[in-house]
Amino acid sequence: MRRTLLFCSLMGVITSACAEDFLCPNTYRYMHTGQSVVDVVEACGEPTSKEEKEETLMVTLPIQQYYYQSTIGPMGTAGSAKIDIVISVQNDKVKSITVGGQPVESTTMCANGESIRTGAPASNAISTCGQPLAVNETTEKVSSGKTSKIDTWIYDFGQYKPKVTLKFVNGVLQEIQS
């Protein structure tokens, strides 16, 4: 790992293999993700510029989307049609329902005609509508409701050397970009 990092640093190229470490060309010391502000200053000296801001922390939550099809109109006649129903479940609750691509608060279009509504327990989706034709596992980024201090530092080591941008979250180095 150290040979790869040294090679990347000597070549002036930071690749994905080097994203967690950086050799400071002015001190020949490494900075690493996970280090404190004090450790980075000790390794590389003061940055060329600093920017500080507060940012809302985002969290990634899993979502399951249950896909159903329902027939409307008299079955087997020219007037019948299939309509798609998607029930999205997050944190063991029905988060949203779409019928024919349109958002609704509730629907009775499931196979047994019983009602399912947003906010209901996730188990109601299957007990009311049956087993879905398909289940899509996805994620959604949502606000955690918490903010954190984000510091962005830029090191400019001079001509022929890459500028390096560091991102600190609450005083801990999270990202190194070149």
C-alpha atoms as a PDB file:
ATOM      1  CA  MET A   1       0.000   0.000   0.000  1.00  0.00           C
ATOM      2  CA  ARG A   2       2.804   2.433   0.908  1.00  0.00           C
ATOM      3  CA  ARG A   3       4.586   1.722  -2.414  1.00  0.00           C
ATOM      4  CA  THR A   4       1.371   2.456  -4.343  1.00  0.00           C
ATOM      5  CA  LEU A   5       0.857   5.674  -2.402  1.00  0.00           C
ATOM      6  CA  LEU A   6       4.448   6.751  -2.892  1.00  0.00           C
ATOM      7  CA  PHE A   7       4.263   6.001  -6.618  1.00  0.00           C
ATOM      8  CA  CYS A   8       1.000   7.952  -6.977  1.00  0.00           C
ATOM      9  CA  SER A   9       2.412  10.869  -5.014  1.00  0.00           C
ATOM     10  CA  LEU A  10       5.690  10.957  -6.961  1.00  0.00           C
ATOM     11  CA  MET A  11       3.813  10.873 -10.245  1.00  0.00           C
ATOM     12  CA  GLY A  12       1.608  13.750  -9.061  1.00  0.00           C
ATOM     13  CA  VAL A  13      -1.479  11.653  -9.651  1.00  0.00           C
ATOM     14  CA  ILE A  14      -4.057  10.764  -7.067  1.00  0.00           C
ATOM     15  CA  THR A  15      -6.076   7.733  -8.056  1.00  0.00           C
ATOM     16  CA  SER A  16      -8.809   5.843  -6.257  1.00  0.00           C
ATOM     17  CA  ALA A  17      -6.065   3.689  -4.704  1.00  0.00           C
ATOM     18  CA  CYS A  18      -4.625   6.871  -3.133  1.00  0.00           C
ATOM     19  CA  ALA A  19      -7.865   8.542  -2.056  1.00  0.00           C
ATOM     20  CA  GLU A  20      -7.409   7.812   1.653  1.00  0.00           C
ATOM     21  CA  ASP A  21      -3.776   8.922   1.949  1.00  0.00           C
ATOM     22  CA  PHE A  22      -1.707  11.775   0.545  1.00  0.00           C
ATOM     23  CA  LEU A  23       2.039  12.443   0.762  1.00  0.00           C
ATOM     24  CA  CYS A  24       2.630  16.137   1.409  1.00  0.00           C
ATOM     25  CA  PRO A  25       5.359  17.253  -1.013  1.00  0.00           C
ATOM     26  CA  ASN A  26       6.623  20.008   1.304  1.00  0.00           C
ATOM     27  CA  THR A  27       7.159  17.781   4.379  1.00  0.00           C
ATOM     28  CA  TYR A  28       7.209  14.249   2.874  1.00  0.00           C
ATOM     29  CA  ARG A  29       4.745  13.175   5.558  1.00  0.00           C
ATOM     30  CA  TYR A  30       1.423  11.450   4.988  1.00  0.00           C
ATOM     31  CA  MET A  31      -2.026  12.715   5.826  1.00  0.00           C
ATOM     32  CA  HIS A  32      -4.799  10.124   6.143  1.00  0.00           C
ATOM     33  CA  THR A  33      -8.582  10.177   6.274  1.00  0.00           C
ATOM     34  CA  GLY A  34      -9.646   9.866   9.885  1.00  0.00           C
ATOM     35  CA  GLN A  35      -6.957  12.261  11.127  1.00  0.00           C
ATOM     36  CA  SER A  36      -7.775  15.337  13.188  1.00  0.00           C
ATOM     37  CA  VAL A  37      -7.189  18.921  12.049  1.00  0.00           C
ATOM     38  CA  VAL A  38      -4.169  19.103  14.372  1.00  0.00           C
ATOM     39  CA  ASP A  39      -2.644  15.934  12.863  1.00  0.00           C
ATOM     40  CA  VAL A  40      -3.068  17.223   9.306  1.00  0.00           C
ATOM     41  CA  VAL A  41      -1.451  20.588  10.156  1.00  0.00           C
ATOM     42  CA  GLU A  42       1.401  18.691  11.801  1.00  0.00           C
ATOM     43  CA  ALA A  43       1.828  16.522   8.685  1.00  0.00           C
ATOM     44  CA  CYS A  44       1.453  19.201   5.991  1.00  0.00           C
ATOM     45  CA  GLY A  45       1.496  22.625   7.603  1.00  0.00           C
ATOM     46  CA  GLU A  46      -1.202  25.297   7.305  1.00  0.00           C
ATOM     47  CA  PRO A  47      -3.386  25.155   4.169  1.00  0.00           C
ATOM     48  CA  THR A  48      -3.370  27.862   1.490  1.00  0.00           C
ATOM     49  CA  SER A  49      -7.055  28.596   2.172  1.00  0.00           C
ATOM     50  CA  LYS A  50      -9.868  27.506   4.503  1.00  0.00           C
ATOM     51  CA  GLU A  51     -13.665  27.640   4.290  1.00  0.00           C
ATOM     52  CA  GLU A  52     -16.053  26.792   7.126  1.00  0.00           C
ATOM     53  CA  LYS A  53     -19.809  26.172   6.967  1.00  0.00           C
ATOM     54  CA  GLU A  54     -22.641  24.370   8.710  1.00  0.00           C
ATOM     55  CA  GLU A  55     -24.298  21.604   6.701  1.00  0.00           C
ATOM     56  CA  THR A  56     -27.302  19.395   7.329  1.00  0.00           C
ATOM     57  CA  LEU A  57     -26.277  15.776   7.655  1.00  0.00           C
ATOM     58  CA  MET A  58     -28.024  13.417   5.264  1.00  0.00           C
ATOM     59  CA  VAL A  59     -28.722   9.766   5.986  1.00  0.00           C
ATOM     60  CA  THR A  60     -29.449   7.005   3.497  1.00  0.00           C
ATOM     61  CA  LEU A  61     -32.556   4.976   4.262  1.00  0.00           C
ATOM     62  CA  PRO A  62     -33.653   1.783   2.520  1.00  0.00           C
ATOM     63  CA  ILE A  63     -36.979   1.724   0.671  1.00  0.00           C
ATOM     64  CA  GLN A  64     -38.864  -1.290  -0.624  1.00  0.00           C
ATOM     65  CA  GLN A  65     -41.234  -0.756  -3.529  1.00  0.00           C
ATOM     66  CA  TYR A  66     -43.959  -3.396  -3.946  1.00  0.00           C
ATOM     67  CA  TYR A  67     -45.318  -3.651  -7.498  1.00  0.00           C
ATOM     68  CA  TYR A  68     -48.880  -4.833  -8.149  1.00  0.00           C
ATOM     69  CA  GLN A  69     -51.242  -4.847 -11.127  1.00  0.00           C
ATOM     70  CA  SER A  70     -54.980  -4.507 -10.828  1.00  0.00           C
ATOM     71  CA  THR A  71     -57.663  -4.921 -13.477  1.00  0.00           C
ATOM     72  CA  ILE A  72     -60.294  -2.223 -13.777  1.00  0.00           C
ATOM     73  CA  GLY A  73     -63.559  -2.652 -15.649  1.00  0.00           C
ATOM     74  CA  PRO A  74     -65.322  -5.965 -16.367  1.00  0.00           C
ATOM     75  CA  MET A  75     -62.712  -8.729 -16.594  1.00  0.00           C
ATOM     76  CA  GLY A  76     -62.161 -10.208 -20.015  1.00  0.00           C
ATOM     77  CA  THR A  77     -64.032  -7.462 -21.857  1.00  0.00           C
ATOM     78  CA  ALA A  78     -62.794  -4.796 -24.222  1.00  0.00           C
ATOM     79  CA  GLY A  79     -63.446  -2.228 -21.468  1.00  0.00           C
ATOM     80  CA  SER A  80     -61.035  -3.793 -18.953  1.00  0.00           C
ATOM     81  CA  ALA A  81     -57.502  -2.501 -18.386  1.00  0.00           C
ATOM     82  CA  LYS A  82     -54.566  -3.269 -16.141  1.00  0.00           C
ATOM     83  CA  ILE A  83     -53.291  -0.531 -13.861  1.00  0.00           C
ATOM     84  CA  ASP A  84     -50.003  -0.467 -11.973  1.00  0.00           C
ATOM     85  CA  ILE A  85     -49.923   0.045  -8.202  1.00  0.00           C
ATOM     86  CA  VAL A  86     -46.664   0.804  -6.378  1.00  0.00           C
ATOM     87  CA  ILE A  87     -46.537   0.777  -2.586  1.00  0.00           C
ATOM     88  CA  SER A  88     -43.300   2.202  -1.121  1.00  0.00           C
ATOM     89  CA  VAL A  89     -42.328   1.035   2.360  1.00  0.00           C
ATOM     90  CA  GLN A  90     -39.773   2.733   4.627  1.00  0.00           C
ATOM     91  CA  ASN A  91     -39.123   2.182   8.345  1.00  0.00           C
ATOM     92  CA  ASP A  92     -41.839  -0.523   8.454  1.00  0.00           C
ATOM     93  CA  LYS A  93     -44.542   1.928   7.295  1.00  0.00           C
ATOM     94  CA  VAL A  94     -46.259   2.603   3.973  1.00  0.00           C
ATOM     95  CA  LYS A  95     -44.481   5.763   2.828  1.00  0.00           C
ATOM     96  CA  SER A  96     -46.331   6.357  -0.446  1.00  0.00           C
ATOM     97  CA  ILE A  97     -48.786   4.802  -2.886  1.00  0.00           C
ATOM     98  CA  THR A  98     -49.075   5.417  -6.617  1.00  0.00           C
ATOM     99  CA  VAL A  99     -51.918   4.159  -8.790  1.00  0.00           C
ATOM    100  CA  GLY A 100     -51.348   4.446 -12.516  1.00  0.00           C
ATOM    101  CA  GLY A 101     -48.342   6.679 -11.798  1.00  0.00           C
ATOM    102  CA  GLN A 102     -50.377   9.155  -9.722  1.00  0.00           C
ATOM    103  CA  PRO A 103     -49.714   9.609  -5.980  1.00  0.00           C
ATOM    104  CA  VAL A 104     -52.684   8.803  -3.715  1.00  0.00           C
ATOM    105  CA  GLU A 105     -53.199   8.730   0.056  1.00  0.00           C
ATOM    106  CA  SER A 106     -55.077   5.429  -0.039  1.00  0.00           C
ATOM    107  CA  THR A 107     -56.472   2.906  -2.498  1.00  0.00           C
ATOM    108  CA  THR A 108     -58.977   0.051  -2.622  1.00  0.00           C
ATOM    109  CA  MET A 109     -57.555  -1.189  -5.928  1.00  0.00           C
ATOM    110  CA  CYS A 110     -55.774  -4.178  -4.397  1.00  0.00           C
ATOM    111  CA  ALA A 111     -56.938  -7.649  -5.382  1.00  0.00           C
ATOM    112  CA  ASN A 112     -59.297  -8.115  -2.406  1.00  0.00           C
ATOM    113  CA  GLY A 113     -60.765  -4.574  -2.534  1.00  0.00           C
ATOM    114  CA  GLU A 114     -59.651  -3.662   1.005  1.00  0.00           C
ATOM    115  CA  SER A 115     -58.167  -0.232   1.652  1.00  0.00           C
ATOM    116  CA  ILE A 116     -54.457   0.482   2.166  1.00  0.00           C
ATOM    117  CA  ARG A 117     -53.258   3.972   3.114  1.00  0.00           C
ATOM    118  CA  THR A 118     -49.990   5.836   3.674  1.00  0.00           C
ATOM    119  CA  GLY A 119     -48.723   5.597   7.223  1.00  0.00           C
ATOM    120  CA  ALA A 120     -50.119   2.071   7.684  1.00  0.00           C
ATOM    121  CA  PRO A 121     -47.802  -0.651   8.983  1.00  0.00           C
ATOM    122  CA  ALA A 122     -45.797  -2.303   6.192  1.00  0.00           C
ATOM    123  CA  SER A 123     -47.357  -5.671   7.028  1.00  0.00           C
ATOM    124  CA  ASN A 124     -50.744  -4.250   5.943  1.00  0.00           C
ATOM    125  CA  ALA A 125     -49.466  -3.864   2.380  1.00  0.00           C
ATOM    126  CA  ILE A 126     -48.997  -7.613   1.936  1.00  0.00           C
ATOM    127  CA  SER A 127     -51.971  -8.667   4.049  1.00  0.00           C
ATOM    128  CA  THR A 128     -54.243  -6.281   2.081  1.00  0.00           C
ATOM    129  CA  CYS A 129     -52.788  -6.559  -1.412  1.00  0.00           C
ATOM    130  CA  GLY A 130     -51.136  -9.999  -1.354  1.00  0.00           C
ATOM    131  CA  GLN A 131     -47.668 -10.905  -2.547  1.00  0.00           C
ATOM    132  CA  PRO A 132     -46.315  -8.287  -4.963  1.00  0.00           C
ATOM    133  CA  LEU A 133     -45.397  -9.167  -8.557  1.00  0.00           C
ATOM    134  CA  ALA A 134     -41.959  -7.671  -7.897  1.00  0.00           C
ATOM    135  CA  VAL A 135     -40.069  -5.917  -5.093  1.00  0.00           C
ATOM    136  CA  ASN A 136     -37.514  -3.190  -5.796  1.00  0.00           C
ATOM    137  CA  GLU A 137     -34.905  -2.455  -3.128  1.00  0.00           C
ATOM    138  CA  THR A 138     -33.650   1.130  -3.311  1.00  0.00           C
ATOM    139  CA  THR A 139     -32.474   3.934  -1.033  1.00  0.00           C
ATOM    140  CA  GLU A 140     -33.312   7.561  -0.386  1.00  0.00           C
ATOM    141  CA  LYS A 141     -31.198  10.338   1.142  1.00  0.00           C
ATOM    142  CA  VAL A 142     -33.074  12.326   3.748  1.00  0.00           C
ATOM    143  CA  SER A 143     -32.133  14.983   6.270  1.00  0.00           C
ATOM    144  CA  SER A 144     -31.079  13.666   9.660  1.00  0.00           C
ATOM    145  CA  GLY A 145     -32.249  16.918  11.244  1.00  0.00           C
ATOM    146  CA  LYS A 146     -28.722  17.455  12.576  1.00  0.00           C
ATOM    147  CA  THR A 147     -26.077  19.851  11.347  1.00  0.00           C
ATOM    148  CA  SER A 148     -22.340  19.508  11.459  1.00  0.00           C
ATOM    149  CA  LYS A 149     -19.350  21.762  10.932  1.00  0.00           C
ATOM    150  CA  ILE A 150     -17.767  21.257   7.498  1.00  0.00           C
ATOM    151  CA  ASP A 151     -14.276  22.651   6.888  1.00  0.00           C
ATOM    152  CA  THR A 152     -12.794  22.675   3.399  1.00  0.00           C
ATOM    153  CA  TRP A 153      -9.065  23.239   3.154  1.00  0.00           C
ATOM    154  CA  ILE A 154      -7.057  23.753  -0.005  1.00  0.00           C
ATOM    155  CA  TYR A 155      -3.337  23.114  -0.261  1.00  0.00           C
ATOM    156  CA  ASP A 156      -1.583  24.640  -3.274  1.00  0.00           C
ATOM    157  CA  PHE A 157       1.910  23.189  -3.351  1.00  0.00           C
ATOM    158  CA  GLY A 158       3.002  25.275  -6.342  1.00  0.00           C
ATOM    159  CA  GLN A 159       3.477  24.843 -10.037  1.00  0.00           C
ATOM    160  CA  TYR A 160       3.618  21.274 -11.384  1.00  0.00           C
ATOM    161  CA  LYS A 161       2.062  19.871  -8.206  1.00  0.00           C
ATOM    162  CA  PRO A 162      -1.625  19.114  -7.807  1.00  0.00           C
ATOM    163  CA  LYS A 163      -3.846  21.256  -5.600  1.00  0.00           C
ATOM    164  CA  VAL A 164      -5.307  19.146  -2.827  1.00  0.00           C
ATOM    165  CA  THR A 165      -8.747  19.749  -1.301  1.00  0.00           C
ATOM    166  CA  LEU A 166      -9.513  18.313   2.123  1.00  0.00           C
ATOM    167  CA  LYS A 167     -12.964  17.985   3.662  1.00  0.00           C
ATOM    168  CA  PHE A 168     -13.264  17.796   7.450  1.00  0.00           C
ATOM    169  CA  VAL A 169     -16.532  16.913   9.196  1.00  0.00           C
ATOM    170  CA  ASN A 170     -16.597  17.945  12.849  1.00  0.00           C
ATOM    171  CA  GLY A 171     -12.789  18.201  12.861  1.00  0.00           C
ATOM    172  CA  VAL A 172     -12.053  14.780  11.303  1.00  0.00           C
ATOM    173  CA  LEU A 173     -10.610  14.397   7.794  1.00  0.00           C
ATOM    174  CA  GLN A 174     -13.220  12.613   5.666  1.00  0.00           C
ATOM    175  CA  GLU A 175     -12.115  13.225   2.067  1.00  0.00           C
ATOM    176  CA  ILE A 176      -8.949  13.975   0.088  1.00  0.00           C
ATOM    177  CA  GLN A 177      -9.349  15.201  -3.500  1.00  0.00           C
ATOM    178  CA  SER A 178      -6.766  16.196  -6.046  1.00  0.00           C
END
